[in-house]
Amino acid sequence: MNINPEEITAILQKEIEDYKVGLDIKETGTVLQVGDNTARVFGLENVMAQELVKFSNSVYGLAINLEEDNVGCVVLGDSR
């Protein structure tokens, strides 16, 4: 079996060109409370500990306290 490097290169280049990066939003929550750079968020039932969450003002948070009815997030930016 002969391996043609040009053919493999062409296939890899096509795969790279066709690759689409996109945001996949799984859940949307509601911020209940914000203070001292922490936020309590309701509705993130499937979030995992230390997972990044993105708030509507494009500030990110880190899920740290997973409770039954809300998630505590450290706000990684301006919490106003």
PDB file of N, CA and C in Angstrom:
ATOM      1  N   MET A   1       0.834  -1.167   0.000  1.00  0.00           N
ATOM      2  CA  MET A   1       0.000   0.000   0.000  1.00  0.00           C
ATOM      3  C   MET A   1       0.891   1.246   0.000  1.00  0.00           C
ATOM      4  N   ASN A   2       0.696   2.094  -0.984  1.00  0.00           N
ATOM      5  CA  ASN A   2       1.467   3.335  -1.083  1.00  0.00           C
ATOM      6  C   ASN A   2       0.696   4.473  -0.421  1.00  0.00           C
ATOM      7  N   ILE A   3       1.395   5.230   0.416  1.00  0.00           N
ATOM      8  CA  ILE A   3       0.798   6.393   1.064  1.00  0.00           C
ATOM      9  C   ILE A   3       1.265   7.632   0.310  1.00  0.00           C
ATOM     10  N   ASN A   4       0.285   8.405  -0.146  1.00  0.00           N
ATOM     11  CA  ASN A   4       0.581   9.604  -0.891  1.00  0.00           C
ATOM     12  C   ASN A   4       0.530  10.805   0.052  1.00  0.00           C
ATOM     13  N   PRO A   5       1.671  11.400   0.395  1.00  0.00           N
ATOM     14  CA  PRO A   5       1.695  12.524   1.337  1.00  0.00           C
ATOM     15  C   PRO A   5       0.874  13.722   0.860  1.00  0.00           C
ATOM     16  N   GLU A   6       0.854  13.984  -0.436  1.00  0.00           N
ATOM     17  CA  GLU A   6       0.089  15.125  -0.956  1.00  0.00           C
ATOM     18  C   GLU A   6      -1.415  14.924  -0.727  1.00  0.00           C
ATOM     19  N   GLU A   7      -1.863  13.702  -0.899  1.00  0.00           N
ATOM     20  CA  GLU A   7      -3.291  13.408  -0.689  1.00  0.00           C
ATOM     21  C   GLU A   7      -3.668  13.572   0.789  1.00  0.00           C
ATOM     22  N   ILE A   8      -2.828  13.100   1.684  1.00  0.00           N
ATOM     23  CA  ILE A   8      -3.076  13.235   3.115  1.00  0.00           C
ATOM     24  C   ILE A   8      -3.064  14.714   3.509  1.00  0.00           C
ATOM     25  N   THR A   9      -2.109  15.460   2.975  1.00  0.00           N
ATOM     26  CA  THR A   9      -2.026  16.894   3.256  1.00  0.00           C
ATOM     27  C   THR A   9      -3.280  17.611   2.778  1.00  0.00           C
ATOM     28  N   ALA A  10      -3.751  17.271   1.598  1.00  0.00           N
ATOM     29  CA  ALA A  10      -4.962  17.901   1.053  1.00  0.00           C
ATOM     30  C   ALA A  10      -6.184  17.589   1.919  1.00  0.00           C
ATOM     31  N   ILE A  11      -6.283  16.362   2.381  1.00  0.00           N
ATOM     32  CA  ILE A  11      -7.405  15.977   3.240  1.00  0.00           C
ATOM     33  C   ILE A  11      -7.351  16.742   4.561  1.00  0.00           C
ATOM     34  N   LEU A  12      -6.172  16.805   5.163  1.00  0.00           N
ATOM     35  CA  LEU A  12      -6.027  17.535   6.426  1.00  0.00           C
ATOM     36  C   LEU A  12      -6.313  19.024   6.257  1.00  0.00           C
ATOM     37  N   GLN A  13      -5.849  19.628   5.167  1.00  0.00           N
ATOM     38  CA  GLN A  13      -6.116  21.039   4.924  1.00  0.00           C
ATOM     39  C   GLN A  13      -7.608  21.294   4.764  1.00  0.00           C
ATOM     40  N   LYS A  14      -8.300  20.420   4.071  1.00  0.00           N
ATOM     41  CA  LYS A  14      -9.746  20.581   3.894  1.00  0.00           C
ATOM     42  C   LYS A  14     -10.469  20.460   5.229  1.00  0.00           C
ATOM     43  N   GLU A  15     -10.077  19.523   6.052  1.00  0.00           N
ATOM     44  CA  GLU A  15     -10.693  19.354   7.369  1.00  0.00           C
ATOM     45  C   GLU A  15     -10.474  20.592   8.234  1.00  0.00           C
ATOM     46  N   ILE A  16      -9.276  21.148   8.191  1.00  0.00           N
ATOM     47  CA  ILE A  16      -8.974  22.356   8.970  1.00  0.00           C
ATOM     48  C   ILE A  16      -9.791  23.545   8.462  1.00  0.00           C
ATOM     49  N   GLU A  17      -9.891  23.698   7.159  1.00  0.00           N
ATOM     50  CA  GLU A  17     -10.659  24.801   6.576  1.00  0.00           C
ATOM     51  C   GLU A  17     -12.144  24.696   6.897  1.00  0.00           C
ATOM     52  N   ASP A  18     -12.667  23.489   6.966  1.00  0.00           N
ATOM     53  CA  ASP A  18     -14.096  23.279   7.215  1.00  0.00           C
ATOM     54  C   ASP A  18     -14.454  23.280   8.697  1.00  0.00           C
ATOM     55  N   TYR A  19     -13.453  23.345   9.566  1.00  0.00           N
ATOM     56  CA  TYR A  19     -13.702  23.301  11.004  1.00  0.00           C
ATOM     57  C   TYR A  19     -14.402  24.577  11.446  1.00  0.00           C
ATOM     58  N   LYS A  20     -15.495  24.436  12.151  1.00  0.00           N
ATOM     59  CA  LYS A  20     -16.270  25.569  12.640  1.00  0.00           C
ATOM     60  C   LYS A  20     -16.234  25.582  14.158  1.00  0.00           C
ATOM     61  N   VAL A  21     -15.811  26.708  14.722  1.00  0.00           N
ATOM     62  CA  VAL A  21     -15.807  26.885  16.159  1.00  0.00           C
ATOM     63  C   VAL A  21     -17.095  27.617  16.514  1.00  0.00           C
ATOM     64  N   GLY A  22     -17.811  27.096  17.478  1.00  0.00           N
ATOM     65  CA  GLY A  22     -19.054  27.754  17.868  1.00  0.00           C
ATOM     66  C   GLY A  22     -19.322  27.593  19.345  1.00  0.00           C
ATOM     67  N   LEU A  23     -20.146  28.473  19.838  1.00  0.00           N
ATOM     68  CA  LEU A  23     -20.542  28.432  21.232  1.00  0.00           C
ATOM     69  C   LEU A  23     -21.773  27.557  21.352  1.00  0.00           C
ATOM     70  N   ASP A  24     -21.729  26.612  22.258  1.00  0.00           N
ATOM     71  CA  ASP A  24     -22.845  25.707  22.457  1.00  0.00           C
ATOM     72  C   ASP A  24     -23.448  25.980  23.830  1.00  0.00           C
ATOM     73  N   ILE A  25     -24.522  26.752  23.850  1.00  0.00           N
ATOM     74  CA  ILE A  25     -25.158  27.103  25.115  1.00  0.00           C
ATOM     75  C   ILE A  25     -26.111  25.977  25.505  1.00  0.00           C
ATOM     76  N   LYS A  26     -25.868  25.415  26.662  1.00  0.00           N
ATOM     77  CA  LYS A  26     -26.673  24.297  27.134  1.00  0.00           C
ATOM     78  C   LYS A  26     -27.765  24.748  28.094  1.00  0.00           C
ATOM     79  N   GLU A  27     -27.462  25.710  28.944  1.00  0.00           N
ATOM     80  CA  GLU A  27     -28.407  26.150  29.959  1.00  0.00           C
ATOM     81  C   GLU A  27     -28.338  27.663  30.128  1.00  0.00           C
ATOM     82  N   THR A  28     -29.436  28.218  30.566  1.00  0.00           N
ATOM     83  CA  THR A  28     -29.487  29.635  30.899  1.00  0.00           C
ATOM     84  C   THR A  28     -30.028  29.750  32.310  1.00  0.00           C
ATOM     85  N   GLY A  29     -29.341  30.526  33.136  1.00  0.00           N
ATOM     86  CA  GLY A  29     -29.757  30.703  34.516  1.00  0.00           C
ATOM     87  C   GLY A  29     -30.157  32.139  34.793  1.00  0.00           C
ATOM     88  N   THR A  30     -30.603  32.366  36.001  1.00  0.00           N
ATOM     89  CA  THR A  30     -30.995  33.693  36.456  1.00  0.00           C
ATOM     90  C   THR A  30     -30.152  34.062  37.666  1.00  0.00           C
ATOM     91  N   VAL A  31     -29.521  35.234  37.607  1.00  0.00           N
ATOM     92  CA  VAL A  31     -28.714  35.700  38.731  1.00  0.00           C
ATOM     93  C   VAL A  31     -29.667  36.175  39.828  1.00  0.00           C
ATOM     94  N   LEU A  32     -29.551  35.574  40.999  1.00  0.00           N
ATOM     95  CA  LEU A  32     -30.401  35.912  42.127  1.00  0.00           C
ATOM     96  C   LEU A  32     -29.796  37.008  42.987  1.00  0.00           C
ATOM     97  N   GLN A  33     -28.472  36.989  43.123  1.00  0.00           N
ATOM     98  CA  GLN A  33     -27.803  37.891  44.048  1.00  0.00           C
ATOM     99  C   GLN A  33     -26.353  38.064  43.620  1.00  0.00           C
ATOM    100  N   VAL A  34     -25.833  39.272  43.784  1.00  0.00           N
ATOM    101  CA  VAL A  34     -24.426  39.547  43.491  1.00  0.00           C
ATOM    102  C   VAL A  34     -23.853  40.369  44.632  1.00  0.00           C
ATOM    103  N   GLY A  35     -22.674  40.011  45.082  1.00  0.00           N
ATOM    104  CA  GLY A  35     -21.992  40.770  46.122  1.00  0.00           C
ATOM    105  C   GLY A  35     -20.621  40.194  46.401  1.00  0.00           C
ATOM    106  N   ASP A  36     -19.666  41.066  46.688  1.00  0.00           N
ATOM    107  CA  ASP A  36     -18.291  40.649  46.992  1.00  0.00           C
ATOM    108  C   ASP A  36     -17.704  39.739  45.921  1.00  0.00           C
ATOM    109  N   ASN A  37     -17.952  40.072  44.675  1.00  0.00           N
ATOM    110  CA  ASN A  37     -17.466  39.300  43.517  1.00  0.00           C
ATOM    111  C   ASN A  37     -17.937  37.852  43.505  1.00  0.00           C
ATOM    112  N   THR A  38     -19.086  37.606  44.088  1.00  0.00           N
ATOM    113  CA  THR A  38     -19.727  36.296  43.980  1.00  0.00           C
ATOM    114  C   THR A  38     -21.154  36.502  43.498  1.00  0.00           C
ATOM    115  N   ALA A  39     -21.666  35.514  42.819  1.00  0.00           N
ATOM    116  CA  ALA A  39     -23.032  35.570  42.318  1.00  0.00           C
ATOM    117  C   ALA A  39     -23.733  34.263  42.642  1.00  0.00           C
ATOM    118  N   ARG A  40     -24.994  34.361  43.014  1.00  0.00           N
ATOM    119  CA  ARG A  40     -25.851  33.183  43.194  1.00  0.00           C
ATOM    120  C   ARG A  40     -26.725  33.079  41.960  1.00  0.00           C
ATOM    121  N   VAL A  41     -26.677  31.923  41.306  1.00  0.00           N
ATOM    122  CA  VAL A  41     -27.374  31.743  40.043  1.00  0.00           C
ATOM    123  C   VAL A  41     -28.330  30.565  40.151  1.00  0.00           C
ATOM    124  N   PHE A  42     -29.568  30.786  39.754  1.00  0.00           N
ATOM    125  CA  PHE A  42     -30.592  29.740  39.735  1.00  0.00           C
ATOM    126  C   PHE A  42     -30.745  29.228  38.302  1.00  0.00           C
ATOM    127  N   GLY A  43     -30.928  27.928  38.148  1.00  0.00           N
ATOM    128  CA  GLY A  43     -31.242  27.362  36.841  1.00  0.00           C
ATOM    129  C   GLY A  43     -30.107  26.657  36.132  1.00  0.00           C
ATOM    130  N   LEU A  44     -28.953  26.586  36.729  1.00  0.00           N
ATOM    131  CA  LEU A  44     -27.824  25.881  36.101  1.00  0.00           C
ATOM    132  C   LEU A  44     -27.738  24.474  36.686  1.00  0.00           C
ATOM    133  N   GLU A  45     -28.689  23.653  36.337  1.00  0.00           N
ATOM    134  CA  GLU A  45     -28.819  22.322  36.941  1.00  0.00           C
ATOM    135  C   GLU A  45     -27.697  21.369  36.568  1.00  0.00           C
ATOM    136  N   ASN A  46     -27.078  21.564  35.422  1.00  0.00           N
ATOM    137  CA  ASN A  46     -26.058  20.622  34.956  1.00  0.00           C
ATOM    138  C   ASN A  46     -24.637  21.171  35.022  1.00  0.00           C
ATOM    139  N   VAL A  47     -24.451  22.337  35.652  1.00  0.00           N
ATOM    140  CA  VAL A  47     -23.119  22.905  35.742  1.00  0.00           C
ATOM    141  C   VAL A  47     -22.262  22.052  36.677  1.00  0.00           C
ATOM    142  N   MET A  48     -20.985  21.989  36.379  1.00  0.00           N
ATOM    143  CA  MET A  48     -20.064  21.207  37.196  1.00  0.00           C
ATOM    144  C   MET A  48     -19.138  22.146  37.959  1.00  0.00           C
ATOM    145  N   ALA A  49     -18.588  21.674  39.051  1.00  0.00           N
ATOM    146  CA  ALA A  49     -17.669  22.467  39.857  1.00  0.00           C
ATOM    147  C   ALA A  49     -16.480  22.921  39.019  1.00  0.00           C
ATOM    148  N   GLN A  50     -16.104  24.166  39.166  1.00  0.00           N
ATOM    149  CA  GLN A  50     -14.990  24.807  38.483  1.00  0.00           C
ATOM    150  C   GLN A  50     -15.223  24.952  36.986  1.00  0.00           C
ATOM    151  N   GLU A  51     -16.471  24.923  36.561  1.00  0.00           N
ATOM    152  CA  GLU A  51     -16.816  25.153  35.157  1.00  0.00           C
ATOM    153  C   GLU A  51     -17.024  26.650  34.948  1.00  0.00           C
ATOM    154  N   LEU A  52     -16.577  27.149  33.804  1.00  0.00           N
ATOM    155  CA  LEU A  52     -16.775  28.553  33.486  1.00  0.00           C
ATOM    156  C   LEU A  52     -18.221  28.799  33.072  1.00  0.00           C
ATOM    157  N   VAL A  53     -18.770  29.901  33.564  1.00  0.00           N
ATOM    158  CA  VAL A  53     -20.091  30.354  33.127  1.00  0.00           C
ATOM    159  C   VAL A  53     -19.922  31.766  32.588  1.00  0.00           C
ATOM    160  N   LYS A  54     -20.752  32.135  31.637  1.00  0.00           N
ATOM    161  CA  LYS A  54     -20.661  33.463  31.049  1.00  0.00           C
ATOM    162  C   LYS A  54     -21.938  34.222  31.367  1.00  0.00           C
ATOM    163  N   PHE A  55     -21.775  35.393  31.959  1.00  0.00           N
ATOM    164  CA  PHE A  55     -22.916  36.237  32.284  1.00  0.00           C
ATOM    165  C   PHE A  55     -23.289  37.081  31.068  1.00  0.00           C
ATOM    166  N   SER A  56     -24.477  37.656  31.095  1.00  0.00           N
ATOM    167  CA  SER A  56     -24.976  38.399  29.935  1.00  0.00           C
ATOM    168  C   SER A  56     -24.142  39.628  29.602  1.00  0.00           C
ATOM    169  N   ASN A  57     -23.363  40.139  30.555  1.00  0.00           N
ATOM    170  CA  ASN A  57     -22.502  41.289  30.280  1.00  0.00           C
ATOM    171  C   ASN A  57     -21.117  40.866  29.808  1.00  0.00           C
ATOM    172  N   SER A  58     -20.984  39.629  29.364  1.00  0.00           N
ATOM    173  CA  SER A  58     -19.747  39.035  28.832  1.00  0.00           C
ATOM    174  C   SER A  58     -18.653  38.860  29.881  1.00  0.00           C
ATOM    175  N   VAL A  59     -18.995  38.959  31.155  1.00  0.00           N
ATOM    176  CA  VAL A  59     -18.064  38.659  32.241  1.00  0.00           C
ATOM    177  C   VAL A  59     -18.194  37.172  32.554  1.00  0.00           C
ATOM    178  N   TYR A  60     -17.088  36.535  32.850  1.00  0.00           N
ATOM    179  CA  TYR A  60     -17.107  35.115  33.168  1.00  0.00           C
ATOM    180  C   TYR A  60     -17.123  34.900  34.676  1.00  0.00           C
ATOM    181  N   GLY A  61     -17.585  33.733  35.061  1.00  0.00           N
ATOM    182  CA  GLY A  61     -17.566  33.326  36.446  1.00  0.00           C
ATOM    183  C   GLY A  61     -17.127  31.880  36.535  1.00  0.00           C
ATOM    184  N   LEU A  62     -16.795  31.465  37.732  1.00  0.00           N
ATOM    185  CA  LEU A  62     -16.353  30.102  37.977  1.00  0.00           C
ATOM    186  C   LEU A  62     -17.285  29.471  38.996  1.00  0.00           C
ATOM    187  N   ALA A  63     -17.971  28.415  38.611  1.00  0.00           N
ATOM    188  CA  ALA A  63     -18.905  27.732  39.512  1.00  0.00           C
ATOM    189  C   ALA A  63     -18.112  27.029  40.602  1.00  0.00           C
ATOM    190  N   ILE A  64     -18.375  27.406  41.861  1.00  0.00           N
ATOM    191  CA  ILE A  64     -17.612  26.805  42.955  1.00  0.00           C
ATOM    192  C   ILE A  64     -18.488  26.164  44.014  1.00  0.00           C
ATOM    193  N   ASN A  65     -19.692  26.668  44.204  1.00  0.00           N
ATOM    194  CA  ASN A  65     -20.545  26.171  45.271  1.00  0.00           C
ATOM    195  C   ASN A  65     -21.834  25.635  44.662  1.00  0.00           C
ATOM    196  N   LEU A  66     -21.904  24.323  44.497  1.00  0.00           N
ATOM    197  CA  LEU A  66     -23.065  23.703  43.871  1.00  0.00           C
ATOM    198  C   LEU A  66     -24.061  23.300  44.956  1.00  0.00           C
ATOM    199  N   GLU A  67     -25.153  24.046  45.017  1.00  0.00           N
ATOM    200  CA  GLU A  67     -26.194  23.727  45.981  1.00  0.00           C
ATOM    201  C   GLU A  67     -27.400  23.175  45.233  1.00  0.00           C
ATOM    202  N   GLU A  68     -28.362  22.672  45.971  1.00  0.00           N
ATOM    203  CA  GLU A  68     -29.517  22.039  45.355  1.00  0.00           C
ATOM    204  C   GLU A  68     -30.348  23.020  44.531  1.00  0.00           C
ATOM    205  N   ASP A  69     -30.488  24.254  45.012  1.00  0.00           N
ATOM    206  CA  ASP A  69     -31.372  25.201  44.326  1.00  0.00           C
ATOM    207  C   ASP A  69     -30.647  26.374  43.663  1.00  0.00           C
ATOM    208  N   ASN A  70     -29.334  26.470  43.811  1.00  0.00           N
ATOM    209  CA  ASN A  70     -28.582  27.537  43.140  1.00  0.00           C
ATOM    210  C   ASN A  70     -27.101  27.181  43.093  1.00  0.00           C
ATOM    211  N   VAL A  71     -26.368  27.979  42.329  1.00  0.00           N
ATOM    212  CA  VAL A  71     -24.931  27.772  42.168  1.00  0.00           C
ATOM    213  C   VAL A  71     -24.223  29.052  42.582  1.00  0.00           C
ATOM    214  N   GLY A  72     -23.189  28.918  43.396  1.00  0.00           N
ATOM    215  CA  GLY A  72     -22.365  30.067  43.757  1.00  0.00           C
ATOM    216  C   GLY A  72     -21.213  30.179  42.782  1.00  0.00           C
ATOM    217  N   CYS A  73     -21.049  31.364  42.214  1.00  0.00           N
ATOM    218  CA  CYS A  73     -19.993  31.593  41.233  1.00  0.00           C
ATOM    219  C   CYS A  73     -19.085  32.727  41.676  1.00  0.00           C
ATOM    220  N   VAL A  74     -17.800  32.547  41.514  1.00  0.00           N
ATOM    221  CA  VAL A  74     -16.851  33.636  41.690  1.00  0.00           C
ATOM    222  C   VAL A  74     -16.885  34.430  40.382  1.00  0.00           C
ATOM    223  N   VAL A  75     -17.110  35.725  40.482  1.00  0.00           N
ATOM    224  CA  VAL A  75     -17.163  36.572  39.292  1.00  0.00           C
ATOM    225  C   VAL A  75     -15.742  36.973  38.922  1.00  0.00           C
ATOM    226  N   LEU A  76     -15.332  36.680  37.713  1.00  0.00           N
ATOM    227  CA  LEU A  76     -13.966  36.923  37.255  1.00  0.00           C
ATOM    228  C   LEU A  76     -13.892  38.228  36.458  1.00  0.00           C
ATOM    229  N   GLY A  77     -14.373  39.282  37.056  1.00  0.00           N
ATOM    230  CA  GLY A  77     -14.390  40.582  36.384  1.00  0.00           C
ATOM    231  C   GLY A  77     -15.249  41.528  37.199  1.00  0.00           C
ATOM    232  N   ASP A  78     -15.728  42.562  36.561  1.00  0.00           N
ATOM    233  CA  ASP A  78     -16.556  43.566  37.213  1.00  0.00           C
ATOM    234  C   ASP A  78     -17.905  42.959  37.590  1.00  0.00           C
ATOM    235  N   SER A  79     -18.218  42.916  38.861  1.00  0.00           N
ATOM    236  CA  SER A  79     -19.464  42.271  39.310  1.00  0.00           C
ATOM    237  C   SER A  79     -20.661  43.209  39.317  1.00  0.00           C
ATOM    238  N   ARG A  80     -20.466  44.448  38.858  1.00  0.00           N
ATOM    239  CA  ARG A  80     -21.615  45.358  38.794  1.00  0.00           C
ATOM    240  C   ARG A  80     -22.450  44.982  37.628  1.00  0.00           C
TER     241      ARG A  80
END
